[in-house]
Structure formats: C-alpha cells, structure tokens
Amino acid sequence: MTKQGFLQTITGTDSKGNQQQYNLPHAVYYGASSQSCGAVRDAVVSAVKAQVQKDILVFVVQAENWALGW
C-alpha cells in the first residue's frame, strides 16, 4: 500500500501541543487522492488482489475533517 501512496501513520498534536506520529491499526491506511472513492477502491482492490491475497474487503472513506482524541 505504501507503493500506492498510502501511509500507516497519521500526524497529530498530543495533549501538550506537540506534533506526534501515530500508528494506525493493522491493514488500515491513510492517504490523499483527487480520485473518487470508487476509483480509489477499485485501484486498491486490484493492487491487493494482485500482490497480497484474492479474498479481500476494501472500505474507502472520503473525509474532509478529522480529530484525534484520547
């Protein structure tokens, strides 16, 4: 997935105001694209089926804003 431009980390601000990098759970990726959700899904499905495994489920979400909390 990193070859496709997706990351397994996000950057956010901790409770003290410091920039921190946070690891996402296994098989969860973050990335930006100008393509539609369906186009991103199709590209990811093709790549994963060709390189990792055939039986997969891909869930793509388009988000404008997000927030971290703990």
Protein backbone atom coordinates (compact mmCIF):
# COMPACT_ATOMS: atom_id res chain seq x y z
CA MET A 1 0.00 0.00 0.00
CA THR A 2 2.89 2.35 0.59
CA LYS A 3 3.79 1.90 -3.08
CA GLN A 4 0.31 3.23 -3.85
CA GLY A 5 0.99 6.33 -1.73
CA PHE A 6 -0.90 5.30 1.41
CA LEU A 7 0.51 5.56 4.94
CA GLN A 8 0.02 3.54 8.11
CA THR A 9 0.66 6.58 10.26
CA ILE A 10 -1.04 9.91 10.84
CA THR A 11 0.36 13.06 12.39
CA GLY A 12 -1.48 14.92 15.11
CA THR A 13 -1.00 17.11 18.14
CA ASP A 14 -0.74 15.47 21.57
CA SER A 15 -2.28 16.85 24.79
CA LYS A 16 0.81 19.03 25.36
CA GLY A 17 0.62 20.62 21.91
CA ASN A 18 3.50 18.61 20.43
CA GLN A 19 3.34 17.11 16.94
CA GLN A 20 3.30 13.32 17.19
CA GLN A 21 3.12 10.50 14.69
CA TYR A 22 0.56 7.79 15.47
CA ASN A 23 0.44 4.26 14.06
CA LEU A 24 -2.82 3.10 12.53
CA PRO A 25 -4.14 -0.42 13.20
CA HIS A 26 -3.04 -3.33 11.02
CA ALA A 27 -4.42 -3.08 7.45
CA VAL A 28 -5.68 0.50 7.96
CA TYR A 29 -4.16 3.12 5.69
CA TYR A 30 -4.42 6.87 5.21
CA GLY A 31 -3.83 8.82 2.03
CA ALA A 32 -4.98 11.70 -0.13
CA SER A 33 -6.31 11.45 -3.66
CA SER A 34 -8.19 13.57 -6.15
CA GLN A 35 -9.96 10.43 -7.39
CA SER A 36 -13.46 9.39 -6.33
CA CYS A 37 -13.94 6.86 -3.52
CA GLY A 38 -14.97 4.26 -6.09
CA ALA A 39 -11.86 4.83 -8.21
CA VAL A 40 -9.59 4.57 -5.15
CA ARG A 41 -11.40 1.41 -4.05
CA ASP A 42 -11.01 -0.17 -7.47
CA ALA A 43 -7.29 0.66 -7.62
CA VAL A 44 -6.69 -0.70 -4.11
CA VAL A 45 -8.69 -3.88 -4.78
CA SER A 46 -6.70 -4.53 -7.96
CA ALA A 47 -3.35 -3.93 -6.26
CA VAL A 48 -4.12 -6.06 -3.20
CA LYS A 49 -5.57 -8.93 -5.22
CA ALA A 50 -2.52 -8.93 -7.49
CA GLN A 51 0.10 -8.62 -4.74
CA VAL A 52 -1.30 -9.84 -1.42
CA GLN A 53 -4.44 -12.00 -1.44
CA LYS A 54 -7.51 -12.64 -3.58
CA ASP A 55 -10.24 -12.66 -0.92
CA ILE A 56 -10.42 -9.11 0.49
CA LEU A 57 -12.81 -6.38 1.54
CA VAL A 58 -11.82 -2.77 0.89
CA PHE A 59 -13.62 0.09 2.63
CA VAL A 60 -12.81 3.61 1.38
CA VAL A 61 -13.96 6.75 3.18
CA GLN A 62 -13.71 10.34 1.99
CA ALA A 63 -13.20 12.70 4.91
CA GLU A 64 -12.96 16.46 4.89
CA ASN A 65 -12.06 16.88 8.57
CA TRP A 66 -10.94 14.63 11.37
CA ALA A 67 -9.87 14.92 15.01
CA LEU A 68 -7.82 12.79 17.39
CA GLY A 69 -8.81 12.23 20.98
CA TRP A 70 -7.82 10.15 23.99
